[in-house]
Protein backbone atom coordinates (compact mmCIF):
# COMPACT_ATOMS: atom_id res chain seq x y z
CA MET A 1 59.83 119.60 -94.12
CA ASN A 2 59.55 116.62 -96.43
CA ASN A 3 56.45 115.19 -97.79
CA MET A 4 56.55 112.27 -95.21
CA GLU A 5 56.33 115.14 -92.47
CA LYS A 6 53.74 117.12 -94.04
CA CYS A 7 51.12 114.10 -93.55
CA SER A 8 48.38 115.09 -91.19
CA SER A 9 45.47 112.69 -89.81
CA ARG A 10 43.27 115.62 -90.74
CA SER A 11 43.40 114.35 -94.18
CA ALA A 12 42.05 111.17 -92.99
CA PRO A 13 38.83 111.49 -91.48
CA TRP A 14 38.48 107.82 -90.73
CA LEU A 15 41.13 108.04 -88.17
CA THR A 16 38.90 110.14 -86.06
CA GLN A 17 38.16 108.65 -82.53
CA ARG A 18 36.02 109.87 -79.86
CA ALA A 19 37.29 110.96 -76.64
CA PRO A 20 36.74 109.11 -73.53
CA ARG A 21 33.51 110.22 -71.58
CA ALA A 22 33.48 111.50 -68.28
CA GLY A 23 34.05 108.91 -65.71
CA GLU A 24 34.44 106.11 -68.30
CA ILE A 25 38.11 105.05 -67.56
CA GLU A 26 38.77 106.72 -64.39
CA PRO A 27 37.73 103.76 -62.15
CA VAL A 28 40.17 101.31 -64.22
CA ASN A 29 42.82 103.97 -64.06
CA TYR A 30 42.37 104.19 -60.52
CA LEU A 31 42.87 100.51 -60.05
CA LEU A 32 45.92 100.25 -62.31
CA ARG A 33 47.65 103.28 -60.37
CA ARG A 34 46.82 101.60 -57.08
CA LEU A 35 48.35 98.47 -58.07
CA ASN A 36 51.20 100.14 -59.78
CA LEU A 37 50.41 98.56 -63.23
CA HIS A 38 51.21 99.54 -66.63
CA THR A 39 49.28 99.14 -70.07
CA ILE A 40 50.60 99.41 -73.63
CA CYS A 41 47.17 101.36 -74.30
CA GLU A 42 48.53 104.11 -72.15
CA SER A 43 52.34 104.13 -72.55
CA GLY A 44 51.84 103.61 -76.32
CA ARG A 45 49.46 106.25 -76.92
CA CYS A 46 46.93 103.77 -78.43
CA PRO A 47 44.16 105.79 -80.23
CA ASN A 48 41.78 103.07 -79.07
CA ILE A 49 41.93 103.62 -75.40
CA ALA A 50 38.65 105.01 -75.08
CA GLN A 51 37.02 101.77 -76.60
CA CYS A 52 39.34 99.33 -74.94
CA LEU A 53 40.09 100.59 -71.34
CA PRO A 54 36.43 100.28 -70.05
CA ARG A 55 36.29 96.51 -71.27
CA GLY A 56 39.68 95.43 -70.71
CA MET A 57 43.38 96.58 -71.47
CA ALA A 58 46.59 95.41 -72.57
CA PHE A 59 49.23 95.02 -69.89
CA LEU A 60 52.72 95.90 -70.15
CA ILE A 61 55.12 93.93 -67.84
CA LEU A 62 58.75 94.46 -67.04
CA GLY A 63 58.34 97.82 -66.40
CA ASN A 64 57.66 101.11 -68.52
CA ASN A 65 61.22 101.79 -70.02
CA CYS A 66 62.41 99.60 -73.05
CA SER A 67 66.12 98.84 -73.88
CA ARG A 68 65.58 99.42 -77.44
CA ASP A 69 65.16 102.79 -79.42
CA CYS A 70 62.43 101.80 -82.37
CA THR A 71 61.63 104.90 -84.07
CA PHE A 72 58.02 104.09 -84.33
CA CYS A 73 57.20 103.56 -80.74
CA ALA A 74 56.03 105.83 -77.93
CA VAL A 75 57.24 103.81 -75.09
CA SER A 76 59.71 105.21 -72.74
CA ARG A 77 63.29 104.66 -73.46
CA GLY A 78 65.64 104.51 -70.53
CA THR A 79 67.58 102.25 -67.86
CA PRO A 80 64.78 99.34 -67.23
CA SER A 81 63.98 98.64 -63.64
CA PRO A 82 64.57 95.02 -62.09
CA SER A 83 62.00 92.44 -62.79
CA ASP A 84 59.31 92.68 -60.06
CA PRO A 85 58.50 89.15 -58.53
CA SER A 86 55.17 90.61 -57.14
CA GLU A 87 54.03 91.92 -60.68
CA PRO A 88 52.27 88.93 -61.90
CA TYR A 89 50.35 88.63 -58.72
CA ARG A 90 49.31 92.24 -59.00
CA ILE A 91 48.07 91.83 -62.59
CA ALA A 92 45.98 88.55 -61.34
CA GLU A 93 44.49 90.73 -58.96
CA ALA A 94 43.65 93.36 -61.43
CA VAL A 95 42.14 90.79 -63.64
CA LYS A 96 39.88 89.24 -60.96
CA ARG A 97 38.82 92.71 -59.95
CA LEU A 98 37.94 93.76 -63.37
CA LYS A 99 36.31 90.29 -63.96
CA LEU A 100 38.32 89.87 -67.39
CA ARG A 101 38.05 86.72 -69.18
CA TYR A 102 40.81 87.43 -71.98
CA VAL A 103 43.71 88.84 -70.98
CA PHE A 104 46.42 90.43 -73.30
CA LEU A 105 50.03 90.76 -72.09
CA THR A 106 53.03 92.47 -73.61
CA SER A 107 56.12 93.86 -72.37
CA VAL A 108 58.96 96.23 -73.14
CA THR A 109 61.87 94.79 -74.76
CA ARG A 110 64.56 93.67 -72.05
CA ASP A 111 67.58 93.00 -73.81
CA ASP A 112 69.45 93.75 -70.17
CA LEU A 113 68.16 90.46 -68.86
CA PRO A 114 69.64 87.11 -69.70
CA ASP A 115 66.28 85.61 -70.67
CA GLY A 116 64.57 88.72 -72.08
CA GLY A 117 61.99 88.48 -69.49
CA ALA A 118 60.67 85.11 -70.32
CA ASN A 119 60.45 83.96 -66.89
CA GLN A 120 58.29 86.81 -65.99
CA PHE A 121 55.96 86.15 -68.86
CA ALA A 122 55.72 82.59 -67.78
CA MET A 123 54.94 83.17 -64.15
CA THR A 124 52.73 85.81 -65.17
CA ILE A 125 50.84 83.30 -67.29
CA ASN A 126 50.77 80.74 -64.73
CA ILE A 127 49.61 82.67 -61.88
CA LEU A 128 46.81 84.35 -64.05
CA LYS A 129 45.66 80.80 -64.85
CA GLU A 130 45.91 79.53 -61.16
CA ASP A 131 44.01 82.39 -59.75
CA ASN A 132 41.44 82.90 -62.71
CA PRO A 133 40.24 79.55 -63.84
CA GLY A 134 39.34 79.64 -67.61
CA VAL A 135 40.86 82.84 -68.44
CA VAL A 136 42.28 83.09 -71.97
CA VAL A 137 45.80 84.52 -72.18
CA GLU A 138 47.28 86.20 -75.36
CA ILE A 139 50.91 87.50 -75.04
CA LEU A 140 52.81 89.68 -77.44
CA VAL A 141 56.17 88.94 -76.91
CA PRO A 142 59.73 90.70 -77.92
CA ASP A 143 62.30 88.87 -79.85
CA PHE A 144 64.09 87.72 -77.05
CA GLN A 145 67.13 88.04 -79.44
CA GLY A 146 66.14 84.68 -80.88
CA ASN A 147 67.01 82.89 -77.67
CA ASN A 148 65.42 79.41 -78.05
CA GLY A 149 65.39 78.73 -74.50
CA ALA A 150 63.60 81.87 -73.73
CA ILE A 151 60.96 81.05 -76.36
CA LYS A 152 60.47 77.64 -74.93
CA THR A 153 60.04 78.80 -71.70
CA VAL A 154 57.18 80.81 -72.53
CA ILE A 155 55.72 78.40 -74.60
CA ASN A 156 55.90 75.98 -71.71
CA ALA A 157 53.73 78.06 -69.72
CA LYS A 158 50.77 77.49 -72.37
CA PRO A 159 49.53 80.82 -73.46
CA ASP A 160 46.36 80.53 -75.52
CA VAL A 161 47.88 82.81 -78.10
CA PHE A 162 51.54 83.57 -78.82
CA ALA A 163 52.17 86.63 -80.78
CA HIS A 164 55.31 88.61 -82.15
CA ASN A 165 54.92 91.19 -84.51
CA LEU A 166 57.13 91.96 -87.66
CA GLU A 167 55.82 95.55 -87.40
CA THR A 168 57.01 96.54 -91.16
CA VAL A 169 58.63 95.26 -94.12
CA PRO A 170 62.24 94.20 -94.10
CA ARG A 171 63.78 97.16 -96.35
CA LEU A 172 62.44 99.33 -93.42
CA TYR A 173 64.07 97.72 -90.50
CA PRO A 174 67.16 99.89 -90.50
CA ASN A 175 64.99 103.25 -90.12
CA VAL A 176 62.06 101.70 -88.08
CA ARG A 177 63.44 98.90 -85.81
CA PRO A 178 67.39 99.51 -86.06
CA MET A 179 68.14 96.90 -83.23
CA ALA A 180 65.72 94.19 -84.57
CA ASP A 181 66.02 91.84 -87.16
CA TYR A 182 63.29 90.58 -89.61
CA GLN A 183 64.74 86.86 -90.01
CA THR A 184 64.87 86.54 -86.34
CA SER A 185 61.30 87.94 -85.74
CA LEU A 186 60.10 85.08 -88.19
CA GLU A 187 62.23 82.54 -86.70
CA VAL A 188 60.56 83.42 -82.95
CA LEU A 189 57.25 82.51 -84.63
CA ARG A 190 58.51 79.52 -86.24
CA ARG A 191 60.11 78.13 -83.36
CA ALA A 192 56.99 78.75 -81.24
CA LYS A 193 55.15 76.74 -83.57
CA GLU A 194 57.96 73.91 -83.40
CA PHE A 195 57.92 73.76 -79.56
CA ASN A 196 54.02 73.33 -79.47
CA PRO A 197 52.39 72.74 -82.79
CA GLY A 198 48.88 73.39 -81.52
CA ILE A 199 49.43 76.90 -80.35
CA ILE A 200 47.94 79.74 -81.86
CA THR A 201 50.42 82.21 -83.51
CA LYS A 202 49.93 85.70 -84.46
CA SER A 203 51.64 88.78 -85.94
CA GLY A 204 50.77 92.07 -87.16
CA ILE A 205 52.35 95.32 -89.51
CA MET A 206 51.76 98.94 -89.65
CA LEU A 207 50.88 100.38 -92.99
CA GLY A 208 51.70 103.76 -94.06
CA MET A 209 55.55 103.77 -93.33
CA GLY A 210 56.76 103.82 -96.92
CA GLU A 211 55.96 100.12 -97.65
CA THR A 212 54.67 98.67 -101.23
CA HIS A 213 51.89 96.63 -101.94
CA GLN A 214 54.19 93.91 -103.20
CA GLU A 215 56.44 94.00 -99.88
CA ILE A 216 53.05 93.51 -97.82
CA LEU A 217 52.46 90.31 -99.79
CA GLU A 218 55.73 89.32 -99.36
CA ILE A 219 55.41 89.57 -95.55
CA MET A 220 52.24 87.95 -95.70
CA GLY A 221 53.87 85.00 -97.63
CA ASP A 222 56.80 84.88 -95.13
CA LEU A 223 54.27 84.43 -92.27
CA ARG A 224 52.42 81.72 -93.88
CA ARG A 225 55.77 79.95 -94.36
CA VAL A 226 56.21 79.85 -90.68
CA ASP A 227 52.67 78.91 -90.02
CA CYS A 228 51.19 81.94 -88.42
CA ASP A 229 47.67 81.73 -87.87
CA LEU A 230 46.53 85.15 -87.17
CA PHE A 231 47.37 88.43 -88.78
CA THR A 232 46.37 92.01 -88.11
CA MET A 233 47.10 95.24 -89.95
CA GLY A 234 46.50 98.84 -88.95
CA GLN A 235 47.57 102.47 -89.76
CA TYR A 236 50.80 103.69 -88.49
CA LEU A 237 50.38 107.13 -86.38
CA ALA A 238 53.52 108.90 -85.40
CA PRO A 239 53.37 109.38 -81.44
CA SER A 240 55.16 112.60 -82.09
CA ARG A 241 57.18 114.95 -84.46
CA SER A 242 60.39 113.49 -83.36
CA GLN A 243 59.60 109.75 -84.33
CA TYR A 244 59.34 108.20 -87.54
CA PRO A 245 57.08 110.04 -89.79
CA VAL A 246 53.81 108.76 -91.64
CA TYR A 247 54.28 108.26 -95.09
CA ARG A 248 50.78 108.21 -96.25
CA PHE A 249 47.30 107.34 -94.82
CA VAL A 250 45.78 104.28 -96.17
CA THR A 251 42.24 104.10 -96.95
CA PRO A 252 39.63 101.70 -95.55
CA GLU A 253 39.19 100.50 -99.08
CA GLU A 254 42.64 99.58 -99.57
CA PHE A 255 42.96 98.08 -96.00
CA SER A 256 39.88 96.05 -96.78
CA GLN A 257 41.45 94.44 -100.06
CA TYR A 258 43.90 92.42 -97.88
CA GLU A 259 41.49 90.29 -95.66
CA PRO A 260 40.32 88.16 -98.82
CA VAL A 261 43.97 87.84 -99.74
CA GLY A 262 45.08 86.53 -96.27
CA LYS A 263 42.23 84.01 -96.08
CA GLN A 264 43.20 82.55 -99.44
CA MET A 265 46.77 82.48 -98.26
CA GLY A 266 45.60 80.39 -95.11
CA PHE A 267 45.33 82.59 -92.39
CA ARG A 268 43.00 81.16 -89.88
CA GLY A 269 42.02 85.10 -88.97
CA ILE A 270 42.88 88.38 -90.38
CA VAL A 271 41.60 91.81 -89.81
CA SER A 272 42.93 94.84 -91.70
CA ALA A 273 41.63 98.12 -90.73
CA PRO A 274 43.03 101.91 -90.22
CA LEU A 275 42.75 101.56 -86.60
CA TRP A 276 43.32 98.15 -85.81
CA ARG A 277 45.98 97.17 -83.24
CA SER A 278 47.36 93.70 -82.08
CA SER A 279 45.61 94.27 -78.87
CA PHE A 280 42.49 95.95 -80.13
CA LYS A 281 39.50 93.17 -79.87
CA ALA A 282 42.07 90.43 -79.65
CA ASP A 283 39.32 88.25 -77.86
CA LYS A 284 37.06 88.84 -80.72
CA LEU A 285 39.64 87.68 -83.29
CA TYR A 286 40.67 84.85 -81.12
CA TYR A 287 36.91 83.64 -80.48
CA GLN A 288 36.13 83.96 -84.12
CA THR A 289 39.23 81.61 -84.99
CA ILE A 290 38.19 79.00 -82.49
CA THR A 291 34.60 78.93 -83.58
CA GLU A 292 35.46 78.67 -87.30
CA LYS A 293 37.87 75.90 -86.36
């Protein structure tokens, strides 16, 4: 066993999260099961599920099987199911029943679809806004293999926040995101801003995968060069022993040093904390950014 595999969250007490209380998330889970909907909170084994699910969740569209094999991710790999035209309506119903005012949408990567699932994103955004007037929609999209038409399709649906995560530093892509490309991901964010200069764009990375301080600063600089507005950083936690191992647990003090640096670089909003995730309190970061603007 190498040093990376020996890391245990027991040596990082700041990563401790409370378990869900009895009856806290069951009603939400029941509704999601009844409507046959998935969340990245559950599929991705998010440590914040007890904090998020009662007040909202990150809907996972286009099924629960991913066409890629990223080594950091807990989402199932396998043959994806056909896109379901009724799914956007079921999500809109869940949003209405849960009285959500901020909706976070993401998806598995669908390289099997010609548009990468862009039309399903656009349809879901349109139906959500039609059925729930005033709702704010944030989307976290895959890279669509750099397909400009797919990016434009999603942008034309007018999401309030367009997010795409870089996940890690370029040097680690062959091991962490073997089917992705760092420059393509940057280009997705640049194109989104080009197609709609007024849209808020967002990205995020995980720390503790073997990256260096300098590499983190370089990623931040790259994101600012494509005019990315919001940036999040959180601790990587390996979903299982068979996946990419944790190299180290970054302390809260080290995380906190990146926020003032990011503000100096020009990010309109930045959160850097061990248990932070793209979808975690996404509404808080959005409204804070809008208020400060």
